[in-house]
Amino acid sequence: MLLVAEGVETSGQAAYLRQIGCHLAQGYLFAKPLSEEQLVSWYKQHRQQPLPGILVEF
């Protein structure tokens, strides 16, 4: 089973999640929310790259 943590806000939370074997995480620690305009603009410039902070692999 793949474990995904949502809402990670501190480095302490991220460290704990790594320690207990969490696979992926997302939250304010990694990236702030983007507006629709910001997301579309970023995507047009970086189509071949993953979105920053959407999911972070541990």
PDB file of N, CA and C in Angstrom:
ATOM      1  N   MET A   1       0.840  -1.160   0.000  1.00  0.00           N
ATOM      2  CA  MET A   1       0.000   0.000   0.000  1.00  0.00           C
ATOM      3  C   MET A   1       0.898   1.238   0.000  1.00  0.00           C
ATOM      4  N   LEU A   2       0.556   2.204  -0.817  1.00  0.00           N
ATOM      5  CA  LEU A   2       1.288   3.465  -0.908  1.00  0.00           C
ATOM      6  C   LEU A   2       0.680   4.454   0.074  1.00  0.00           C
ATOM      7  N   LEU A   3       1.514   5.009   0.957  1.00  0.00           N
ATOM      8  CA  LEU A   3       1.042   5.935   1.978  1.00  0.00           C
ATOM      9  C   LEU A   3       1.360   7.369   1.577  1.00  0.00           C
ATOM     10  N   VAL A   4       0.330   8.250   1.572  1.00  0.00           N
ATOM     11  CA  VAL A   4       0.475   9.658   1.213  1.00  0.00           C
ATOM     12  C   VAL A   4      -0.016  10.506   2.383  1.00  0.00           C
ATOM     13  N   ALA A   5       0.850  11.396   2.875  1.00  0.00           N
ATOM     14  CA  ALA A   5       0.470  12.321   3.953  1.00  0.00           C
ATOM     15  C   ALA A   5       0.081  13.658   3.345  1.00  0.00           C
ATOM     16  N   GLU A   6      -1.012  14.206   3.803  1.00  0.00           N
ATOM     17  CA  GLU A   6      -1.477  15.507   3.325  1.00  0.00           C
ATOM     18  C   GLU A   6      -1.374  16.530   4.445  1.00  0.00           C
ATOM     19  N   GLY A   7      -1.106  17.782   4.072  1.00  0.00           N
ATOM     20  CA  GLY A   7      -1.100  18.859   5.053  1.00  0.00           C
ATOM     21  C   GLY A   7       0.152  18.954   5.895  1.00  0.00           C
ATOM     22  N   VAL A   8       1.287  18.506   5.374  1.00  0.00           N
ATOM     23  CA  VAL A   8       2.544  18.575   6.115  1.00  0.00           C
ATOM     24  C   VAL A   8       3.007  20.036   6.173  1.00  0.00           C
ATOM     25  N   GLU A   9       3.176  20.558   7.398  1.00  0.00           N
ATOM     26  CA  GLU A   9       3.507  21.971   7.556  1.00  0.00           C
ATOM     27  C   GLU A   9       4.859  22.228   8.208  1.00  0.00           C
ATOM     28  N   THR A  10       5.438  21.238   8.883  1.00  0.00           N
ATOM     29  CA  THR A  10       6.714  21.469   9.576  1.00  0.00           C
ATOM     30  C   THR A  10       7.735  20.404   9.207  1.00  0.00           C
ATOM     31  N   SER A  11       9.004  20.754   9.392  1.00  0.00           N
ATOM     32  CA  SER A  11      10.064  19.776   9.110  1.00  0.00           C
ATOM     33  C   SER A  11      10.003  18.621  10.102  1.00  0.00           C
ATOM     34  N   GLY A  12       9.529  18.891  11.313  1.00  0.00           N
ATOM     35  CA  GLY A  12       9.365  17.823  12.301  1.00  0.00           C
ATOM     36  C   GLY A  12       8.325  16.801  11.857  1.00  0.00           C
ATOM     37  N   GLN A  13       7.232  17.282  11.289  1.00  0.00           N
ATOM     38  CA  GLN A  13       6.222  16.367  10.758  1.00  0.00           C
ATOM     39  C   GLN A  13       6.808  15.532   9.633  1.00  0.00           C
ATOM     40  N   ALA A  14       7.549  16.171   8.732  1.00  0.00           N
ATOM     41  CA  ALA A  14       8.153  15.449   7.607  1.00  0.00           C
ATOM     42  C   ALA A  14       9.141  14.399   8.101  1.00  0.00           C
ATOM     43  N   ALA A  15       9.950  14.744   9.086  1.00  0.00           N
ATOM     44  CA  ALA A  15      10.917  13.790   9.632  1.00  0.00           C
ATOM     45  C   ALA A  15      10.208  12.588  10.245  1.00  0.00           C
ATOM     46  N   TYR A  16       9.142  12.843  10.986  1.00  0.00           N
ATOM     47  CA  TYR A  16       8.381  11.751  11.591  1.00  0.00           C
ATOM     48  C   TYR A  16       7.774  10.853  10.522  1.00  0.00           C
ATOM     49  N   LEU A  17       7.206  11.451   9.494  1.00  0.00           N
ATOM     50  CA  LEU A  17       6.595  10.667   8.418  1.00  0.00           C
ATOM     51  C   LEU A  17       7.628   9.790   7.718  1.00  0.00           C
ATOM     52  N   ARG A  18       8.825  10.336   7.484  1.00  0.00           N
ATOM     53  CA  ARG A  18       9.898   9.513   6.892  1.00  0.00           C
ATOM     54  C   ARG A  18      10.224   8.344   7.803  1.00  0.00           C
ATOM     55  N   GLN A  19      10.321   8.642   9.102  1.00  0.00           N
ATOM     56  CA  GLN A  19      10.695   7.630  10.096  1.00  0.00           C
ATOM     57  C   GLN A  19       9.699   6.478  10.145  1.00  0.00           C
ATOM     58  N   ILE A  20       8.425   6.773   9.974  1.00  0.00           N
ATOM     59  CA  ILE A  20       7.420   5.705  10.057  1.00  0.00           C
ATOM     60  C   ILE A  20       7.122   5.050   8.708  1.00  0.00           C
ATOM     61  N   GLY A  21       7.873   5.471   7.665  1.00  0.00           N
ATOM     62  CA  GLY A  21       7.750   4.788   6.381  1.00  0.00           C
ATOM     63  C   GLY A  21       6.757   5.380   5.396  1.00  0.00           C
ATOM     64  N   CYS A  22       6.379   6.625   5.606  1.00  0.00           N
ATOM     65  CA  CYS A  22       5.482   7.283   4.653  1.00  0.00           C
ATOM     66  C   CYS A  22       6.206   7.445   3.311  1.00  0.00           C
ATOM     67  N   HIS A  23       5.518   7.236   2.220  1.00  0.00           N
ATOM     68  CA  HIS A  23       6.131   7.288   0.894  1.00  0.00           C
ATOM     69  C   HIS A  23       6.101   8.671   0.257  1.00  0.00           C
ATOM     70  N   LEU A  24       4.969   9.364   0.372  1.00  0.00           N
ATOM     71  CA  LEU A  24       4.779  10.652  -0.290  1.00  0.00           C
ATOM     72  C   LEU A  24       4.105  11.633   0.659  1.00  0.00           C
ATOM     73  N   ALA A  25       4.339  12.932   0.406  1.00  0.00           N
ATOM     74  CA  ALA A  25       3.693  13.952   1.232  1.00  0.00           C
ATOM     75  C   ALA A  25       3.444  15.203   0.413  1.00  0.00           C
ATOM     76  N   GLN A  26       2.508  16.002   0.905  1.00  0.00           N
ATOM     77  CA  GLN A  26       2.262  17.306   0.301  1.00  0.00           C
ATOM     78  C   GLN A  26       1.850  18.240   1.422  1.00  0.00           C
ATOM     79  N   GLY A  27       2.006  19.522   1.187  1.00  0.00           N
ATOM     80  CA  GLY A  27       1.590  20.494   2.192  1.00  0.00           C
ATOM     81  C   GLY A  27       2.384  21.786   2.092  1.00  0.00           C
ATOM     82  N   TYR A  28       2.063  22.727   2.982  1.00  0.00           N
ATOM     83  CA  TYR A  28       2.690  24.051   2.969  1.00  0.00           C
ATOM     84  C   TYR A  28       4.205  23.998   3.133  1.00  0.00           C
ATOM     85  N   LEU A  29       4.728  22.974   3.789  1.00  0.00           N
ATOM     86  CA  LEU A  29       6.173  22.857   3.949  1.00  0.00           C
ATOM     87  C   LEU A  29       6.873  22.808   2.596  1.00  0.00           C
ATOM     88  N   PHE A  30       6.246  22.185   1.621  1.00  0.00           N
ATOM     89  CA  PHE A  30       6.867  21.971   0.318  1.00  0.00           C
ATOM     90  C   PHE A  30       6.476  23.017  -0.718  1.00  0.00           C
ATOM     91  N   ALA A  31       5.253  23.511  -0.657  1.00  0.00           N
ATOM     92  CA  ALA A  31       4.800  24.514  -1.623  1.00  0.00           C
ATOM     93  C   ALA A  31       3.498  25.134  -1.151  1.00  0.00           C
ATOM     94  N   LYS A  32       3.355  26.409  -1.416  1.00  0.00           N
ATOM     95  CA  LYS A  32       2.114  27.113  -1.112  1.00  0.00           C
ATOM     96  C   LYS A  32       1.107  26.834  -2.234  1.00  0.00           C
ATOM     97  N   PRO A  33      -0.169  26.954  -1.939  1.00  0.00           N
ATOM     98  CA  PRO A  33      -1.187  26.740  -2.980  1.00  0.00           C
ATOM     99  C   PRO A  33      -1.011  27.728  -4.134  1.00  0.00           C
ATOM    100  N   LEU A  34      -1.334  27.295  -5.333  1.00  0.00           N
ATOM    101  CA  LEU A  34      -1.269  28.139  -6.518  1.00  0.00           C
ATOM    102  C   LEU A  34      -2.681  28.459  -6.992  1.00  0.00           C
ATOM    103  N   SER A  35      -2.855  29.668  -7.496  1.00  0.00           N
ATOM    104  CA  SER A  35      -4.133  30.009  -8.123  1.00  0.00           C
ATOM    105  C   SER A  35      -4.197  29.283  -9.467  1.00  0.00           C
ATOM    106  N   GLU A  36      -5.361  29.255 -10.056  1.00  0.00           N
ATOM    107  CA  GLU A  36      -5.507  28.622 -11.371  1.00  0.00           C
ATOM    108  C   GLU A  36      -4.580  29.287 -12.387  1.00  0.00           C
ATOM    109  N   GLU A  37      -4.515  30.608 -12.362  1.00  0.00           N
ATOM    110  CA  GLU A  37      -3.639  31.343 -13.281  1.00  0.00           C
ATOM    111  C   GLU A  37      -2.174  30.960 -13.089  1.00  0.00           C
ATOM    112  N   GLN A  38      -1.737  30.902 -11.838  1.00  0.00           N
ATOM    113  CA  GLN A  38      -0.347  30.546 -11.542  1.00  0.00           C
ATOM    114  C   GLN A  38      -0.042  29.125 -12.001  1.00  0.00           C
ATOM    115  N   LEU A  39      -0.968  28.217 -11.781  1.00  0.00           N
ATOM    116  CA  LEU A  39      -0.773  26.827 -12.172  1.00  0.00           C
ATOM    117  C   LEU A  39      -0.658  26.688 -13.687  1.00  0.00           C
ATOM    118  N   VAL A  40      -1.544  27.323 -14.420  1.00  0.00           N
ATOM    119  CA  VAL A  40      -1.520  27.268 -15.883  1.00  0.00           C
ATOM    120  C   VAL A  40      -0.226  27.886 -16.408  1.00  0.00           C
ATOM    121  N   SER A  41       0.167  29.014 -15.859  1.00  0.00           N
ATOM    122  CA  SER A  41       1.396  29.676 -16.280  1.00  0.00           C
ATOM    123  C   SER A  41       2.611  28.783 -16.028  1.00  0.00           C
ATOM    124  N   TRP A  42       2.678  28.189 -14.829  1.00  0.00           N
ATOM    125  CA  TRP A  42       3.809  27.307 -14.501  1.00  0.00           C
ATOM    126  C   TRP A  42       3.842  26.123 -15.454  1.00  0.00           C
ATOM    127  N   TYR A  43       2.682  25.519 -15.698  1.00  0.00           N
ATOM    128  CA  TYR A  43       2.609  24.343 -16.560  1.00  0.00           C
ATOM    129  C   TYR A  43       3.075  24.650 -17.975  1.00  0.00           C
ATOM    130  N   LYS A  44       2.694  25.789 -18.514  1.00  0.00           N
ATOM    131  CA  LYS A  44       3.097  26.160 -19.876  1.00  0.00           C
ATOM    132  C   LYS A  44       4.612  26.295 -19.992  1.00  0.00           C
ATOM    133  N   GLN A  45       5.267  26.692 -18.935  1.00  0.00           N
ATOM    134  CA  GLN A  45       6.721  26.881 -18.960  1.00  0.00           C
ATOM    135  C   GLN A  45       7.495  25.607 -18.635  1.00  0.00           C
ATOM    136  N   HIS A  46       6.884  24.669 -17.933  1.00  0.00           N
ATOM    137  CA  HIS A  46       7.607  23.498 -17.425  1.00  0.00           C
ATOM    138  C   HIS A  46       6.868  22.188 -17.691  1.00  0.00           C
ATOM    139  N   ARG A  47       6.352  22.008 -18.862  1.00  0.00           N
ATOM    140  CA  ARG A  47       5.512  20.841 -19.163  1.00  0.00           C
ATOM    141  C   ARG A  47       6.153  19.500 -18.836  1.00  0.00           C
ATOM    142  N   GLN A  48       7.449  19.391 -18.937  1.00  0.00           N
ATOM    143  CA  GLN A  48       8.122  18.106 -18.742  1.00  0.00           C
ATOM    144  C   GLN A  48       8.569  17.874 -17.304  1.00  0.00           C
ATOM    145  N   GLN A  49       8.321  18.813 -16.414  1.00  0.00           N
ATOM    146  CA  GLN A  49       8.774  18.680 -15.026  1.00  0.00           C
ATOM    147  C   GLN A  49       7.581  18.466 -14.097  1.00  0.00           C
ATOM    148  N   PRO A  50       7.788  17.753 -12.996  1.00  0.00           N
ATOM    149  CA  PRO A  50       6.685  17.587 -12.050  1.00  0.00           C
ATOM    150  C   PRO A  50       6.359  18.911 -11.364  1.00  0.00           C
ATOM    151  N   LEU A  51       5.138  19.085 -10.945  1.00  0.00           N
ATOM    152  CA  LEU A  51       4.752  20.296 -10.239  1.00  0.00           C
ATOM    153  C   LEU A  51       5.488  20.368  -8.906  1.00  0.00           C
ATOM    154  N   PRO A  52       5.989  21.527  -8.544  1.00  0.00           N
ATOM    155  CA  PRO A  52       6.726  21.658  -7.286  1.00  0.00           C
ATOM    156  C   PRO A  52       5.806  21.488  -6.092  1.00  0.00           C
ATOM    157  N   GLY A  53       6.190  20.615  -5.196  1.00  0.00           N
ATOM    158  CA  GLY A  53       5.472  20.491  -3.949  1.00  0.00           C
ATOM    159  C   GLY A  53       4.133  19.791  -4.005  1.00  0.00           C
ATOM    160  N   ILE A  54       3.706  19.352  -5.163  1.00  0.00           N
ATOM    161  CA  ILE A  54       2.421  18.658  -5.216  1.00  0.00           C
ATOM    162  C   ILE A  54       2.525  17.359  -4.425  1.00  0.00           C
ATOM    163  N   LEU A  55       3.488  16.545  -4.745  1.00  0.00           N
ATOM    164  CA  LEU A  55       3.789  15.348  -3.957  1.00  0.00           C
ATOM    165  C   LEU A  55       5.293  15.243  -3.832  1.00  0.00           C
ATOM    166  N   VAL A  56       5.773  15.095  -2.625  1.00  0.00           N
ATOM    167  CA  VAL A  56       7.194  14.965  -2.379  1.00  0.00           C
ATOM    168  C   VAL A  56       7.462  13.523  -1.983  1.00  0.00           C
ATOM    169  N   GLU A  57       8.406  12.909  -2.680  1.00  0.00           N
ATOM    170  CA  GLU A  57       8.749  11.508  -2.366  1.00  0.00           C
ATOM    171  C   GLU A  57       9.806  11.475  -1.281  1.00  0.00           C
ATOM    172  N   PHE A  58       9.583  10.633  -0.266  1.00  0.00           N
ATOM    173  CA  PHE A  58      10.561  10.485   0.819  1.00  0.00           C
ATOM    174  C   PHE A  58      11.516   9.373   0.493  1.00  0.00           C
TER     175      PHE A  58
END
